[in-house]
Protein backbone atom coordinates (compact mmCIF):
# COMPACT_ATOMS: atom_id res chain seq x y z
CA UNK A 1 1.69 -17.42 10.48
CA UNK A 2 1.00 -14.67 7.80
CA UNK A 3 2.78 -14.82 4.35
CA UNK A 4 4.67 -11.66 3.64
CA UNK A 5 3.38 -8.78 1.34
CA UNK A 6 4.76 -9.25 -2.12
CA UNK A 7 4.67 -6.33 -4.52
CA UNK A 8 1.67 -8.24 -6.38
CA UNK A 9 -0.43 -8.15 -3.31
CA UNK A 10 0.28 -4.45 -2.53
CA UNK A 11 -0.50 -3.61 -6.24
CA UNK A 12 -3.92 -5.43 -5.94
CA UNK A 13 -4.55 -4.26 -2.85
CA UNK A 14 -3.69 -0.65 -4.34
CA UNK A 15 -6.01 -1.22 -6.99
CA UNK A 16 -8.96 -2.15 -5.22
CA UNK A 17 -8.79 1.35 -2.70
CA UNK A 18 -8.14 3.19 -6.19
CA UNK A 19 -11.47 1.63 -7.53
CA UNK A 20 -13.36 1.95 -4.38
CA UNK A 21 -12.32 6.18 -4.14
CA UNK A 22 -13.30 6.39 -7.71
CA UNK A 23 -16.88 4.96 -7.11
CA UNK A 24 -17.35 6.81 -3.76
CA UNK A 25 -16.57 9.85 -5.48
CA UNK A 26 -19.08 9.56 -8.02
CA UNK A 27 -21.59 9.16 -5.23
CA UNK A 28 -22.06 5.52 -5.48
CA UNK A 29 -21.18 2.89 -2.98
CA UNK A 30 -18.63 0.23 -3.39
CA UNK A 31 -17.93 -3.23 -1.74
CA UNK A 32 -14.51 -3.25 -0.56
CA UNK A 33 -12.91 -6.50 1.01
CA UNK A 34 -16.68 -7.51 1.82
CA UNK A 35 -17.82 -4.50 3.34
CA UNK A 36 -20.15 -1.79 1.88
CA UNK A 37 -18.31 1.86 1.63
CA UNK A 38 -19.65 5.17 1.01
CA UNK A 39 -18.58 8.65 0.73
CA UNK A 40 -18.43 9.14 4.48
CA UNK A 41 -15.72 6.50 4.30
CA UNK A 42 -13.61 8.53 1.96
CA UNK A 43 -10.89 9.40 4.68
CA UNK A 44 -10.52 5.56 5.38
CA UNK A 45 -10.08 4.71 1.83
CA UNK A 46 -7.38 7.52 1.27
CA UNK A 47 -5.54 5.79 4.27
CA UNK A 48 -5.60 2.46 2.79
CA UNK A 49 -4.56 3.98 -0.65
CA UNK A 50 -1.37 5.56 1.10
CA UNK A 51 -0.79 2.58 3.09
CA UNK A 52 -0.44 0.40 -0.03
CA UNK A 53 1.23 3.07 -2.12
CA UNK A 54 3.97 2.84 0.20
CA UNK A 55 3.91 -0.74 0.43
CA UNK A 56 4.15 -1.07 -3.09
CA UNK A 57 6.72 1.64 -3.67
CA UNK A 58 8.65 -0.01 -0.88
CA UNK A 59 8.83 -3.35 -3.10
CA UNK A 60 10.14 -1.77 -6.07
CA UNK A 61 13.06 0.23 -4.12
CA UNK A 62 16.62 -2.01 -3.90
CA UNK A 63 17.87 -1.90 -1.01
CA UNK A 64 21.60 -0.85 -0.63
CA UNK A 65 23.65 -1.57 2.06
CA UNK A 66 26.45 0.24 3.21
CA UNK A 67 29.31 -0.98 5.63
CA UNK A 68 32.25 1.08 7.25
CA UNK A 69 35.26 -0.56 7.16
CA UNK A 70 38.26 0.60 9.80
CA UNK A 71 41.51 -1.02 8.68
CA UNK A 72 44.19 -0.79 12.14
CA UNK A 73 47.94 -0.47 11.47
CA UNK A 74 49.81 -2.25 13.91
């Protein structure tokens, strides 16, 4: 069983993807999670950034539940 993605994990992953994007845009290669990435991998890196941004932002939001109550008069 995998552990849930925490806010901290999402932030770490997002930071790694942002660093990879920065290096690749500077025409350098970068190792991301054990894999060498280059400028050709930029679309994949940006998808990763979007994914981890959503995960991180989702962990920051407070969920508010609403309930509908119906009162019956007998």
